Protein backbone atom coordinates (compact mmCIF):
# COMPACT_ATOMS: atom_id res chain seq x y z
CA MET A 1 55.39 13.34 34.88
CA ILE A 2 55.89 15.64 31.90
CA PRO A 3 55.23 19.34 32.49
CA ASN A 4 51.72 20.73 31.90
CA THR A 5 53.09 22.81 29.05
CA SER A 6 54.21 19.59 27.32
CA THR A 7 50.78 18.05 27.85
CA GLU A 8 49.11 21.11 26.37
CA ASP A 9 51.55 21.07 23.46
CA LEU A 10 50.63 17.44 22.80
CA PHE A 11 46.94 18.29 22.94
CA THR A 12 47.47 21.17 20.52
CA GLN A 13 49.32 18.80 18.17
CA GLY A 14 46.50 16.30 18.42
CA LYS A 15 43.88 18.96 17.76
CA SER A 16 45.80 20.29 14.74
CA ALA A 17 46.20 16.76 13.35
CA TYR A 18 42.46 16.19 13.77
CA GLN A 19 41.61 19.42 11.97
CA ALA A 20 43.97 18.41 9.15
CA GLY A 21 42.28 15.02 8.82
CA GLN A 22 45.30 13.15 10.18
CA TYR A 23 43.31 11.00 12.54
CA GLN A 24 45.92 8.40 13.49
CA GLU A 25 48.37 11.11 14.48
CA ALA A 26 45.60 12.85 16.43
CA ILE A 27 44.69 9.63 18.26
CA SER A 28 48.34 8.98 19.15
CA SER A 29 48.85 12.49 20.55
CA LEU A 30 45.58 12.49 22.51
CA GLN A 31 46.19 9.03 23.98
CA THR A 32 49.59 10.22 25.20
CA VAL A 33 47.97 13.25 26.80
CA LEU A 34 45.50 11.01 28.64
CA GLN A 35 48.25 8.65 29.81
CA HIS A 36 49.82 11.57 31.63
CA ASN A 37 46.61 13.40 32.54
CA PRO A 38 43.57 11.04 32.57
CA THR A 39 41.28 13.93 33.56
CA HIS A 40 42.15 16.18 30.64
CA GLY A 41 38.60 17.07 29.63
CA ASP A 42 39.37 18.50 26.19
CA ALA A 43 41.46 15.46 25.25
CA LEU A 44 38.71 13.07 26.42
CA SER A 45 36.09 14.97 24.42
CA LEU A 46 38.12 15.25 21.22
CA LEU A 47 39.32 11.65 21.25
CA ALA A 48 35.74 10.51 21.87
CA THR A 49 34.65 12.58 18.86
CA ILE A 50 37.27 10.90 16.68
CA TYR A 51 36.18 7.44 17.85
CA PHE A 52 32.53 8.34 17.31
CA ARG A 53 33.16 9.48 13.73
CA ALA A 54 35.09 6.26 13.13
CA GLU A 55 31.99 4.36 14.37
CA MET A 56 33.97 3.06 17.36
CA TYR A 57 30.99 3.75 19.60
CA GLN A 58 32.02 1.64 22.59
CA ASP A 59 35.41 3.34 22.79
CA ALA A 60 33.71 6.73 22.45
CA ALA A 61 31.23 5.86 25.21
CA THR A 62 34.02 4.77 27.58
CA LEU A 63 35.78 8.12 27.20
CA LEU A 64 32.56 10.13 27.45
CA GLU A 65 31.56 8.38 30.66
CA LYS A 66 34.77 9.80 32.16
CA PHE A 67 34.25 13.18 30.52
CA ILE A 68 30.81 13.83 32.02
CA THR A 69 32.11 13.12 35.53
CA ILE A 70 34.70 15.84 34.98
CA CYS A 71 32.47 18.27 33.07
CA PRO A 72 28.89 17.53 34.20
CA ASN A 73 27.59 20.84 32.89
CA ASP A 74 28.80 20.25 29.33
CA GLU A 75 25.69 19.44 27.31
CA SER A 76 27.67 18.13 24.32
CA GLY A 77 29.20 15.37 26.42
CA TRP A 78 25.84 14.08 27.59
CA TYR A 79 24.47 14.32 24.06
CA GLN A 80 27.35 12.49 22.41
CA LEU A 81 27.32 9.78 25.09
CA ALA A 82 23.58 9.26 24.59
CA ILE A 83 24.01 9.02 20.81
CA SER A 84 26.87 6.53 21.30
CA TYR A 85 24.56 4.36 23.42
CA ILE A 86 21.84 4.64 20.76
CA ARG A 87 24.27 3.46 18.08
CA LEU A 88 25.21 0.57 20.36
CA ASN A 89 21.46 -0.15 20.79
CA GLN A 90 21.82 0.42 24.54
CA LEU A 91 18.61 2.44 24.61
CA GLN A 92 18.01 2.35 28.35
CA ASN A 93 21.52 3.69 28.95
CA ALA A 94 20.80 6.40 26.40
CA GLU A 95 17.57 7.37 28.14
CA ASN A 96 19.26 7.45 31.55
CA THR A 97 22.07 9.59 30.16
CA LEU A 98 19.70 12.11 28.59
CA THR A 99 17.58 12.34 31.73
CA LYS A 100 20.61 12.89 33.97
CA GLY A 101 22.12 15.37 31.52
CA ILE A 102 18.91 17.39 31.52
CA ASP A 103 19.09 17.58 35.31
CA LEU A 104 22.76 18.63 35.43
CA SER A 105 23.57 20.74 32.37
CA ASN A 106 22.58 24.34 31.87
CA VAL A 107 21.43 24.50 28.21
CA THR A 108 19.39 21.40 27.51
CA TRP A 109 17.23 21.83 24.39
CA VAL A 110 19.28 19.34 22.38
CA LEU A 111 18.96 16.76 25.16
CA TRP A 112 15.21 17.28 25.39
CA ALA A 113 14.84 16.96 21.62
CA THR A 114 16.92 13.78 21.58
CA LEU A 115 14.97 12.25 24.46
CA ILE A 116 11.66 12.88 22.67
CA ASP A 117 13.06 11.33 19.52
CA LEU A 118 14.40 8.33 21.47
CA HIS A 119 10.92 7.59 22.80
CA LEU A 120 9.50 7.84 19.29
CA THR A 121 12.17 5.45 18.01
CA GLN A 122 10.92 2.93 20.57
CA ASN A 123 7.27 3.64 19.65
CA ASN A 124 6.67 5.09 23.11
CA VAL A 125 4.46 7.83 21.71
CA GLU A 126 2.74 8.70 24.98
CA CYS A 127 6.10 9.03 26.73
CA ALA A 128 7.38 11.19 23.88
CA ILE A 129 4.41 13.53 24.26
CA GLU A 130 4.78 13.66 28.03
CA VAL A 131 8.50 14.45 27.78
CA GLY A 132 7.88 16.95 24.98
CA GLU A 133 5.28 18.92 26.89
CA HIS A 134 7.53 18.90 29.95
CA ALA A 135 10.36 20.21 27.77
CA VAL A 136 8.21 23.04 26.44
CA ASN A 137 7.40 24.12 29.97
CA LYS A 138 11.00 23.89 31.18
CA LEU A 139 12.30 25.81 28.16
CA ALA A 140 9.57 28.47 28.24
CA ALA A 141 12.04 31.22 29.12
CA ASN A 142 14.42 30.23 26.33
CA PRO A 143 12.43 28.15 23.81
CA HIS A 144 13.97 26.30 20.89
CA PRO A 145 12.26 24.87 17.77
CA ALA A 146 13.91 21.42 17.88
CA PRO A 147 11.97 19.98 20.86
CA LEU A 148 8.80 21.51 19.44
CA CYS A 149 9.44 19.87 16.07
CA ASN A 150 9.88 16.45 17.70
CA LEU A 151 6.82 17.01 19.89
CA GLY A 152 4.84 17.84 16.78
CA ASN A 153 6.05 14.59 15.25
CA ALA A 154 4.87 12.76 18.36
CA PHE A 155 1.41 14.27 18.02
CA ILE A 156 1.35 13.16 14.38
CA ARG A 157 2.21 9.62 15.47
CA ALA A 158 -0.62 9.86 18.02
CA LYS A 159 -2.97 11.00 15.19
CA ASN A 160 -3.65 14.25 17.05
CA TYR A 161 -3.06 16.27 13.92
CA SER A 162 -4.60 19.57 15.00
CA ARG A 163 -2.38 19.64 18.11
CA ALA A 164 0.62 18.74 15.96
CA ILE A 165 -0.08 21.70 13.67
CA ASP A 166 -0.36 24.08 16.64
CA VAL A 167 2.99 22.95 18.07
CA LEU A 168 4.75 22.93 14.71
CA GLU A 169 3.44 26.38 13.80
CA THR A 170 5.03 27.66 17.01
CA ALA A 171 8.30 26.04 15.97
CA LYS A 172 7.97 27.53 12.46
CA GLN A 173 7.67 31.02 13.91
CA MET A 174 11.07 30.51 15.58
CA ASP A 175 12.69 28.98 12.48
CA PRO A 176 10.63 29.65 9.34
CA HIS A 177 13.28 28.13 7.06
CA ASN A 178 13.47 24.76 8.82
CA LEU A 179 12.64 22.00 6.30
CA ALA A 180 11.95 19.37 8.98
CA ILE A 181 9.32 21.63 10.54
CA LEU A 182 7.72 22.41 7.18
CA GLY A 183 7.76 18.73 6.23
CA ASN A 184 6.04 17.72 9.46
CA LEU A 185 3.51 20.52 9.04
CA ALA A 186 2.72 19.31 5.53
CA LEU A 187 2.29 15.75 6.78
CA ALA A 188 0.07 16.82 9.68
CA ALA A 189 -2.10 19.00 7.46
CA THR A 190 -2.45 16.16 4.94
CA LYS A 191 -3.50 13.73 7.65
CA ASP A 192 -5.90 16.35 9.02
CA ASN A 193 -7.58 16.51 5.59
CA ASN A 194 -6.48 20.11 5.18
CA TRP A 195 -5.04 19.56 1.73
CA LEU A 196 -4.84 23.22 0.68
CA GLN A 197 -2.73 24.00 3.75
CA ALA A 198 -0.57 20.93 3.17
CA LYS A 199 0.16 21.99 -0.42
CA GLU A 200 1.14 25.44 0.83
CA TYR A 201 3.63 23.92 3.29
CA TYR A 202 5.13 21.68 0.60
CA GLN A 203 5.45 24.61 -1.79
CA GLN A 204 7.11 26.72 0.91
CA ALA A 205 9.56 23.89 1.49
CA LEU A 206 10.30 23.57 -2.24
CA THR A 207 10.87 27.33 -2.45
CA LEU A 208 13.45 27.03 0.32
CA ALA A 209 15.02 23.86 -1.06
CA PRO A 210 14.22 23.46 -4.77
CA SER A 211 16.82 20.69 -5.06
CA SER A 212 15.58 18.65 -2.10
CA PHE A 213 14.95 15.06 -3.11
CA GLU A 214 13.12 14.33 0.14
CA ILE A 215 10.66 17.22 -0.18
CA HIS A 216 9.86 16.34 -3.80
CA SER A 217 9.42 12.67 -2.92
CA ASN A 218 7.20 13.30 0.10
CA TYR A 219 5.12 15.81 -1.84
CA ALA A 220 4.59 13.30 -4.66
CA ILE A 221 3.42 10.66 -2.20
CA ALA A 222 1.00 13.13 -0.61
CA LEU A 223 -0.32 14.14 -4.04
CA ARG A 224 -0.93 10.52 -4.97
CA ASP A 225 -2.68 9.82 -1.68
CA HIS A 226 -4.90 12.83 -2.36
CA GLY A 227 -5.76 11.47 -5.81
CA ASP A 228 -3.79 13.95 -7.92
CA LEU A 229 -1.94 11.28 -9.87
CA GLU A 230 -0.78 13.46 -12.75
CA GLN A 231 0.85 16.06 -10.49
CA ALA A 232 2.30 13.30 -8.30
CA ARG A 233 3.89 11.79 -11.39
CA ILE A 234 5.44 15.15 -12.35
CA ILE A 235 6.82 15.81 -8.86
CA MET A 236 8.24 12.30 -8.43
CA GLU A 237 9.93 12.58 -11.81
CA LYS A 238 11.60 15.77 -10.56
CA ALA A 239 12.71 13.95 -7.41
CA LEU A 240 14.35 11.22 -9.48
CA ALA A 241 16.05 13.81 -11.67
CA ILE A 242 17.72 15.09 -8.50
CA ARG A 243 18.68 11.63 -7.26
CA PRO A 244 18.25 9.03 -10.04
CA ASN A 245 19.33 5.90 -8.19
CA GLN A 246 16.71 5.94 -5.45
CA TYR A 247 15.08 2.65 -6.34
CA ALA A 248 12.32 2.68 -3.74
CA GLU A 249 11.11 5.96 -5.25
CA LYS A 250 11.69 4.63 -8.78
CA PHE A 251 9.39 1.71 -7.91
CA TYR A 252 6.84 4.21 -6.63
CA PHE A 253 7.23 6.16 -9.87
CA ALA A 254 6.59 2.99 -11.89
CA ASP A 255 3.33 2.51 -10.00
CA LEU A 256 2.38 6.12 -10.75
CA LEU A 257 3.07 5.61 -14.45
CA TYR A 258 0.79 2.58 -14.41
CA GLU A 259 -1.95 4.52 -12.65
CA THR A 260 -1.73 7.35 -15.18
CA GLY A 261 -1.91 4.90 -18.09
CA GLU A 262 1.71 5.17 -19.24
CA PHE A 263 2.18 1.42 -19.36
CA ASP A 264 5.26 1.17 -21.59
CA LYS A 265 7.12 3.69 -19.45
CA SER A 266 6.05 1.86 -16.30
CA ILE A 267 7.48 -1.38 -17.70
CA GLU A 268 10.81 0.38 -18.29
CA GLN A 269 10.88 1.67 -14.70
CA TYR A 270 9.92 -1.67 -13.15
CA ASN A 271 12.67 -3.38 -15.15
CA GLU A 272 15.22 -0.77 -14.06
CA VAL A 273 14.37 -1.44 -10.43
CA ILE A 274 14.59 -5.20 -10.95
CA SER A 275 17.97 -4.87 -12.66
CA SER A 276 19.29 -2.82 -9.74
CA ASN A 277 18.67 -5.66 -7.28
CA SER A 278 18.41 -2.90 -4.67
CA PRO A 279 18.03 -4.06 -1.06
CA ASP A 280 15.78 -1.02 -0.45
CA VAL A 281 12.93 -2.54 -2.46
CA ASP A 282 10.77 -5.64 -2.00
CA MET A 283 11.41 -7.30 -5.35
CA HIS A 284 8.34 -9.50 -5.01
CA LYS A 285 6.22 -6.35 -5.11
CA VAL A 286 8.16 -4.92 -8.06
CA HIS A 287 7.70 -8.07 -10.15
CA PHE A 288 4.02 -8.17 -9.17
CA GLY A 289 3.60 -4.53 -10.19
CA LEU A 290 5.31 -5.25 -13.50
CA SER A 291 2.85 -8.07 -14.16
CA PHE A 292 -0.09 -5.66 -14.27
CA SER A 293 1.56 -3.42 -16.88
CA LEU A 294 2.35 -6.48 -19.00
CA LEU A 295 -1.08 -8.07 -18.67
CA ILE A 296 -3.07 -4.91 -19.36
CA THR A 297 -1.08 -4.37 -22.58
CA GLY A 298 -1.73 -7.96 -23.69
CA ASN A 299 1.70 -9.45 -23.00
CA TYR A 300 0.20 -12.45 -21.25
CA GLN A 301 3.18 -14.77 -21.61
CA GLN A 302 5.55 -12.59 -19.60
CA GLY A 303 2.72 -11.12 -17.53
CA TRP A 304 1.67 -14.49 -16.09
CA ARG A 305 5.29 -15.22 -15.24
CA GLU A 306 5.67 -11.97 -13.32
CA TYR A 307 2.26 -12.48 -11.69
CA GLN A 308 3.62 -15.53 -9.88
CA TRP A 309 5.64 -13.20 -7.62
CA ARG A 310 2.46 -12.23 -5.75
CA ASP A 311 2.11 -12.87 -2.03
CA LEU A 312 0.47 -16.26 -1.43
CA SER A 313 1.38 -16.45 2.25
CA ILE A 314 -2.23 -16.28 3.49
CA THR A 315 -3.21 -19.53 1.82
CA LEU A 316 0.20 -21.20 2.09
CA ASN A 317 0.32 -20.59 5.83
CA HIS A 318 -2.85 -22.65 6.13
CA TYR A 319 -1.90 -25.29 3.59
CA GLN A 320 1.81 -26.10 3.86
CA PRO A 321 1.95 -27.00 7.59
CA ARG A 322 -0.63 -29.71 6.86
CA PHE A 323 0.92 -30.92 3.61
CA PRO A 324 4.62 -30.01 3.68
CA ASP A 325 5.66 -32.71 1.19
CA VAL A 326 3.03 -32.29 -1.54
CA PRO A 327 4.65 -30.76 -4.67
CA LEU A 328 3.34 -27.78 -6.59
CA TRP A 329 1.78 -28.79 -9.90
CA ARG A 330 3.75 -27.25 -12.77
CA GLY A 331 2.05 -28.97 -15.69
CA GLU A 332 3.00 -32.61 -15.08
CA THR A 333 0.62 -35.29 -16.38
CA LEU A 334 -2.46 -35.61 -14.21
CA ASN A 335 -3.49 -39.02 -15.51
CA ASN A 336 -4.76 -40.95 -12.46
CA LYS A 337 -3.47 -38.21 -10.14
CA ILE A 338 -5.34 -36.14 -7.56
CA LEU A 339 -4.99 -32.36 -7.83
CA LEU A 340 -5.93 -29.74 -5.22
CA VAL A 341 -6.75 -26.28 -6.62
CA ILE A 342 -6.67 -23.44 -4.08
CA ALA A 343 -8.74 -20.30 -4.70
CA GLU A 344 -7.04 -16.98 -4.02
CA GLN A 345 -7.50 -13.22 -4.39
CA GLY A 346 -11.12 -12.01 -4.39
CA TYR A 347 -14.45 -13.55 -5.31
CA GLY A 348 -14.22 -12.10 -8.81
CA ASP A 349 -10.87 -13.75 -9.50
CA THR A 350 -12.21 -17.11 -8.36
CA LEU A 351 -15.28 -16.79 -10.58
CA GLN A 352 -13.26 -15.65 -13.60
CA PHE A 353 -10.60 -18.33 -13.40
CA ALA A 354 -12.84 -21.21 -12.35
CA ARG A 355 -13.24 -21.75 -16.12
CA TYR A 356 -9.88 -23.54 -16.04
CA LEU A 357 -11.38 -26.41 -14.07
CA GLU A 358 -12.93 -27.72 -17.28
CA GLN A 359 -9.50 -27.78 -18.94
CA LEU A 360 -8.04 -29.62 -15.98
CA GLN A 361 -10.74 -32.27 -16.20
CA LEU A 362 -9.70 -32.98 -19.79
CA LYS A 363 -6.30 -34.13 -18.44
CA GLN A 364 -8.03 -37.22 -16.98
CA PRO A 365 -7.08 -36.80 -13.32
CA LYS A 366 -8.32 -39.29 -10.79
CA ALA A 367 -9.92 -36.42 -8.91
CA ILE A 368 -9.83 -32.63 -8.55
CA TYR A 369 -10.58 -30.81 -5.32
CA PHE A 370 -11.22 -27.07 -5.22
CA CYS A 371 -10.76 -25.15 -1.95
CA VAL A 372 -12.95 -22.02 -2.09
CA PRO A 373 -14.53 -19.36 0.15
CA PRO A 374 -17.77 -20.61 1.73
CA GLU A 375 -19.82 -17.92 -0.06
CA LEU A 376 -18.92 -19.55 -3.41
CA ALA A 377 -19.15 -23.21 -2.40
CA SER A 378 -22.77 -23.87 -3.35
CA LEU A 379 -22.54 -22.14 -6.75
CA LEU A 380 -19.26 -23.81 -7.73
CA GLY A 381 -20.43 -27.21 -6.47
CA LYS A 382 -23.45 -26.97 -8.75
CA SER A 383 -21.39 -25.70 -11.69
CA PHE A 384 -18.64 -28.30 -11.51
CA ASP A 385 -20.36 -31.41 -10.24
CA ASN A 386 -17.38 -33.71 -10.92
CA ILE A 387 -15.10 -31.65 -8.68
CA GLY A 388 -14.92 -31.88 -4.90
CA ILE A 389 -15.59 -28.47 -3.35
CA LEU A 390 -13.87 -27.78 -0.02
CA ILE A 391 -14.21 -24.76 2.25
CA ASP A 392 -11.82 -25.68 5.05
CA PHE A 393 -8.14 -26.57 4.85
CA ASN A 394 -8.75 -29.08 7.65
CA ASP A 395 -10.99 -31.14 5.35
CA ILE A 396 -8.51 -31.58 2.49
CA PRO A 397 -8.10 -35.28 1.57
CA HIS A 398 -5.03 -36.97 0.14
CA HIS A 399 -3.77 -35.47 -3.11
CA ASP A 400 -0.69 -35.71 -5.32
CA TYR A 401 -0.27 -32.06 -6.35
CA TYR A 402 -1.54 -28.63 -5.37
CA VAL A 403 -1.81 -25.42 -7.40
CA HIS A 404 -3.20 -21.95 -6.82
CA LEU A 405 -5.98 -21.05 -9.20
CA LEU A 406 -4.18 -18.12 -10.82
CA GLN A 407 -1.05 -20.18 -11.46
CA ILE A 408 -2.98 -22.22 -14.00
CA PRO A 409 -3.07 -19.60 -16.83
CA GLU A 410 0.74 -19.58 -16.97
CA ILE A 411 0.92 -23.38 -16.90
CA GLU A 412 -1.67 -23.54 -19.70
CA LYS A 413 0.25 -20.87 -21.66
CA THR A 414 -2.82 -18.64 -21.90
CA GLU A 415 -2.67 -15.86 -24.49
CA LEU A 416 -5.35 -13.43 -25.62
CA THR A 417 -6.06 -15.78 -28.53
CA ASN A 418 -6.62 -19.00 -26.55
CA ILE A 419 -8.51 -17.93 -23.41
CA PRO A 420 -10.95 -20.68 -22.39
CA ASN A 421 -14.19 -18.87 -23.19
CA ARG A 422 -16.99 -21.41 -23.30
CA ILE A 423 -19.83 -19.34 -21.84
CA PRO A 424 -21.73 -20.05 -19.65
CA TYR A 425 -19.66 -22.20 -17.35
CA LEU A 426 -21.57 -21.44 -14.15
CA LYS A 427 -24.91 -23.13 -13.38
CA THR A 428 -27.70 -22.35 -10.93
CA PHE A 429 -30.22 -24.41 -8.99
CA LYS A 430 -33.64 -24.79 -10.61
CA THR A 431 -35.43 -24.23 -7.29
CA ASP A 432 -33.65 -20.86 -6.91
CA ARG A 433 -34.36 -19.86 -10.50
CA ASP A 434 -38.04 -20.71 -10.13
CA TYR A 435 -38.27 -18.80 -6.86
CA TRP A 436 -36.88 -15.63 -8.40
CA LYS A 437 -39.00 -16.04 -11.52
CA GLN A 438 -42.10 -16.01 -9.34
CA GLU A 439 -40.82 -13.10 -7.21
CA LEU A 440 -40.14 -10.95 -10.27
CA ALA A 441 -43.31 -11.84 -12.15
CA GLN A 442 -45.18 -9.00 -10.46
CA TYR A 443 -42.89 -6.41 -12.04
CA ALA A 444 -43.51 -5.32 -15.63
CA GLY A 445 -40.96 -4.25 -18.22
CA ILE A 446 -37.35 -5.16 -18.69
CA LYS A 447 -35.46 -6.05 -15.54
CA VAL A 448 -31.96 -4.69 -15.03
CA GLY A 449 -29.70 -5.60 -12.13
CA VAL A 450 -27.44 -2.80 -10.97
CA VAL A 451 -24.34 -2.48 -8.79
CA TRP A 452 -22.38 0.71 -8.22
CA LYS A 453 -19.80 -0.08 -5.53
CA GLY A 454 -17.15 -2.72 -4.94
CA ASP A 455 -15.53 -4.01 -1.78
CA PRO A 456 -14.28 -0.92 0.12
CA ASN A 457 -11.35 -2.96 1.45
CA ASN A 458 -9.98 -3.42 -2.06
CA VAL A 459 -7.03 -1.07 -2.67
CA SER A 460 -8.45 -0.11 -6.08
CA ASP A 461 -12.00 0.48 -4.94
CA TYR A 462 -11.58 4.27 -4.91
CA LYS A 463 -11.32 4.33 -8.71
CA ARG A 464 -13.86 1.63 -9.65
CA SER A 465 -16.84 2.48 -7.40
CA ILE A 466 -19.41 4.96 -8.73
CA PRO A 467 -21.06 7.57 -6.50
CA TYR A 468 -24.75 6.88 -5.97
CA ASN A 469 -25.80 10.34 -7.13
CA ILE A 470 -24.24 9.53 -10.52
CA ILE A 471 -25.45 5.94 -11.01
CA SER A 472 -28.95 7.07 -9.99
CA ILE A 473 -29.15 9.00 -13.28
CA LEU A 474 -30.13 5.62 -14.76
CA PHE A 475 -33.10 5.37 -12.45
CA GLU A 476 -34.73 8.26 -14.28
CA LEU A 477 -35.76 5.68 -16.90
CA ARG A 478 -39.08 4.81 -15.29
CA ASP A 479 -39.99 2.12 -17.85
CA ILE A 480 -37.12 -0.05 -16.59
CA GLN A 481 -37.47 -2.14 -13.46
CA PHE A 482 -34.11 -1.94 -11.72
CA ILE A 483 -33.11 -4.57 -9.15
CA THR A 484 -30.26 -3.55 -6.87
CA LEU A 485 -27.60 -6.21 -6.40
CA GLN A 486 -25.67 -3.88 -4.08
CA ILE A 487 -25.26 -5.99 -0.94
CA ASP A 488 -23.75 -3.34 1.35
CA ARG A 489 -25.85 -0.40 0.19
CA ASN A 490 -25.76 2.74 2.29
CA LYS A 491 -29.28 3.06 3.66
CA MET A 492 -29.00 6.83 3.22
CA GLU A 493 -29.10 6.17 -0.53
CA LYS A 494 -32.84 6.47 -1.10
CA LEU A 495 -34.08 4.23 -3.89
CA PRO A 496 -36.88 5.42 -6.19
CA ALA A 497 -40.00 3.33 -6.79
CA ASN A 498 -38.61 1.61 -9.90
CA VAL A 499 -35.65 0.15 -7.97
CA ILE A 500 -36.30 -3.03 -5.99
CA ASP A 501 -34.06 -4.09 -3.12
CA LEU A 502 -34.09 -7.86 -2.60
CA THR A 503 -30.56 -8.08 -1.26
CA ASN A 504 -31.65 -9.36 2.16
CA GLN A 505 -32.37 -12.67 0.38
CA LEU A 506 -28.99 -12.84 -1.39
CA THR A 507 -27.24 -14.96 1.22
CA ASP A 508 -24.60 -16.43 -1.10
CA PHE A 509 -23.47 -16.31 -4.72
CA ALA A 510 -25.76 -19.19 -5.75
CA LYS A 511 -28.82 -17.14 -4.76
CA THR A 512 -27.45 -14.05 -6.53
CA ALA A 513 -26.65 -16.08 -9.66
CA ALA A 514 -30.20 -17.46 -9.82
CA LEU A 515 -31.61 -13.94 -9.53
CA ILE A 516 -29.31 -12.74 -12.33
CA GLU A 517 -30.56 -15.60 -14.55
CA ASN A 518 -34.03 -14.02 -14.34
CA LEU A 519 -32.82 -10.56 -15.40
CA ASP A 520 -32.52 -9.09 -18.87
CA LEU A 521 -29.29 -7.19 -18.18
CA VAL A 522 -26.74 -6.47 -15.45
CA ILE A 523 -24.98 -3.10 -15.11
CA THR A 524 -21.99 -2.96 -12.80
CA PRO A 525 -18.47 -1.60 -12.35
CA CYS A 526 -15.57 -4.05 -12.08
CA THR A 527 -16.94 -6.18 -9.22
CA ALA A 528 -17.51 -9.85 -8.46
CA VAL A 529 -21.02 -9.42 -9.90
CA ALA A 530 -19.45 -8.51 -13.26
CA HIS A 531 -17.67 -11.88 -13.33
CA LEU A 532 -20.70 -13.73 -12.01
CA ALA A 533 -23.01 -12.33 -14.68
CA GLY A 534 -20.42 -12.76 -17.42
CA ALA A 535 -19.77 -16.39 -16.48
CA LEU A 536 -23.54 -17.04 -16.54
CA GLY A 537 -23.71 -15.70 -20.09
CA LYS A 538 -25.99 -12.85 -19.07
CA PRO A 539 -25.76 -9.59 -21.06
CA THR A 540 -23.55 -7.47 -18.79
CA TRP A 541 -22.48 -3.87 -19.14
CA ILE A 542 -19.32 -3.16 -17.17
CA LEU A 543 -18.41 0.44 -16.34
CA LEU A 544 -14.64 0.86 -16.20
CA ALA A 545 -12.22 3.38 -14.72
CA HIS A 546 -9.87 5.26 -17.04
CA VAL A 547 -7.12 2.80 -16.06
CA PRO A 548 -9.14 -0.35 -15.42
CA ASP A 549 -8.16 -3.64 -13.90
CA TRP A 550 -5.67 -5.44 -16.17
CA ARG A 551 -8.16 -8.07 -17.40
CA TRP A 552 -10.20 -5.52 -19.37
CA GLY A 553 -7.27 -4.23 -21.43
CA THR A 554 -6.96 -0.63 -22.53
CA THR A 555 -9.31 -0.29 -25.51
CA GLY A 556 -12.47 -1.70 -27.00
CA SER A 557 -15.96 -2.50 -25.81
CA SER A 558 -15.71 -6.31 -25.86
CA SER A 559 -13.80 -8.78 -23.68
CA PRO A 560 -12.07 -12.02 -24.68
CA TRP A 561 -13.01 -13.38 -21.25
CA TYR A 562 -16.80 -13.05 -21.57
CA SER A 563 -18.72 -13.10 -24.86
CA THR A 564 -21.83 -11.35 -23.47
CA VAL A 565 -20.03 -8.43 -21.83
CA ARG A 566 -19.91 -4.87 -23.13
CA LEU A 567 -17.37 -2.43 -21.70
CA PHE A 568 -18.07 1.25 -21.09
CA ARG A 569 -14.81 3.12 -20.43
CA GLN A 570 -14.02 6.42 -18.77
CA THR A 571 -12.40 8.86 -21.20
CA GLN A 572 -11.05 10.93 -18.30
CA ARG A 573 -9.94 9.77 -14.88
CA ALA A 574 -12.63 9.91 -12.17
CA GLN A 575 -15.26 11.19 -14.64
CA TRP A 576 -18.24 8.85 -14.31
CA GLU A 577 -20.94 11.21 -15.54
CA THR A 578 -20.09 10.70 -19.21
CA VAL A 579 -19.96 6.93 -18.79
CA VAL A 580 -23.35 6.75 -17.07
CA ASP A 581 -24.90 9.11 -19.64
CA ASN A 582 -23.62 6.78 -22.37
CA VAL A 583 -25.13 3.76 -20.60
CA LYS A 584 -28.42 5.62 -20.24
CA SER A 585 -28.50 6.43 -23.95
CA CYS A 586 -27.78 2.81 -24.86
CA LEU A 587 -30.57 1.60 -22.57
CA LYS A 588 -33.03 3.96 -24.24
CA SER A 589 -32.06 3.01 -27.78
CA GLU A 590 -31.59 -0.74 -27.37
CA TYR A 591 -34.62 -1.36 -25.18
CA ASP A 592 -36.82 1.25 -26.89
CA ILE A 593 -37.25 3.29 -23.73
CA GLU A 594 -38.79 6.73 -23.97
CA SER A 595 -37.12 9.68 -22.25
CA PRO A 596 -38.66 10.65 -18.88
């Protein structure tokens, strides 16, 4: 045995080496100390710290297990052991360590905070709340903001936003300059629809940390979610000025540029993200986002290519297990071959791109089958009577190739100048047309079909749907007989006498198409009805958002996709009043309608 003084000298040498960054020398000295005195608590703790920082978590844990038996009241030992277990993904050991440490050590706020966070990491939100509330009670005499901050986060995860704000405000009073607390408060207030309070929290955080990338980024996301796209774009640009190579945020910024109509800049940003090949970004989504900027600006050749990165898993998961060996059609000759075309996206996409079926028939295939949603089957079966319409993947017969409907424009090298635009290409049943002709005969004057909302499940519906109180300005024209084609109309939207609701009889698109054939005009935002009416050759006025869907381009009142369509565009984002007033004026002048 060497004397205690020698052991302490060795420990001092090891500690000095550690402080000087000479870790190998420190490890050597501390290991020697422990060979001679295995219960030297300071040596165990320091060597464990060195191992932990070197990411040698198992070695750190082994030493810390010894340390806590020697120094059970040392909170740092329990904490570091728990974190070592977490890094080793031994979460139950971590939980047991924290729980035991809380029972044995004297000052436990850090252990409570870590235990709450551990439960949240495992998505045990209820446990996190239970532990957090217990911590608050136990620490009442000597409270600390960290457990409160994590408890507030747990309430956010539980969607109890008002409770989260209460807890986090208490934490903020203890530590008003804590960015994590302010960030959680901003998130909770945003989720609680208290946007003014959320903005105040974000601005307080930015005052404290004007160079914080995270605060800028989170604020930009909140602004976008709240619909303030222009301010979101400004704040995200500031975030990227602080930290330029954050490609997930750069992808987000590219989306913002698209949404604010800065298409050329968005293309630059998308391409930067693609060139980075960053593992932090789903490149399929980046390419897909890029496709919209290219298509809306008329670069169809590259746009179609990028569009093929979209997620087709929903249909492929149904199709490929049944036909694993059938090749994708990429433009090979179809002479005497059988082709399966699979519809995708929404009803509107299927109606718009069904026009390509006529081109496919010119390639002299033996047969073409078209797998479509059941709501479209009757209409498309009538319109393309030489094509087999299928509504169930289980009913697909033998075929030589398959292709998704929106892969065809790229294969056919579609440009703005060669879009297949023979209108009409949809047909209706005579019995349905005659029925609606008789139904509408009792109503005098011109007959105008009207839609004002799209599918609320569509991610872009917030910008394309028109509030009823605005579209109803049209209904002031009493000499027009309006027919609502709005299937899912809110019954609280009271229709005046000159608006007929026959939607209970519109059981599929064939019935709706036959009704439209008996109308003089259809007025609609960018919905499936817009494509239906356009493909029927019916005069159709489409009301478009400031940044519309890519297929309508950025300027002009006509569309290369439909010869009978007229486009009415927003001049400012979210401002529908001017658009509807313009439509109203055109109705009065073109149909010789007197003002009410």
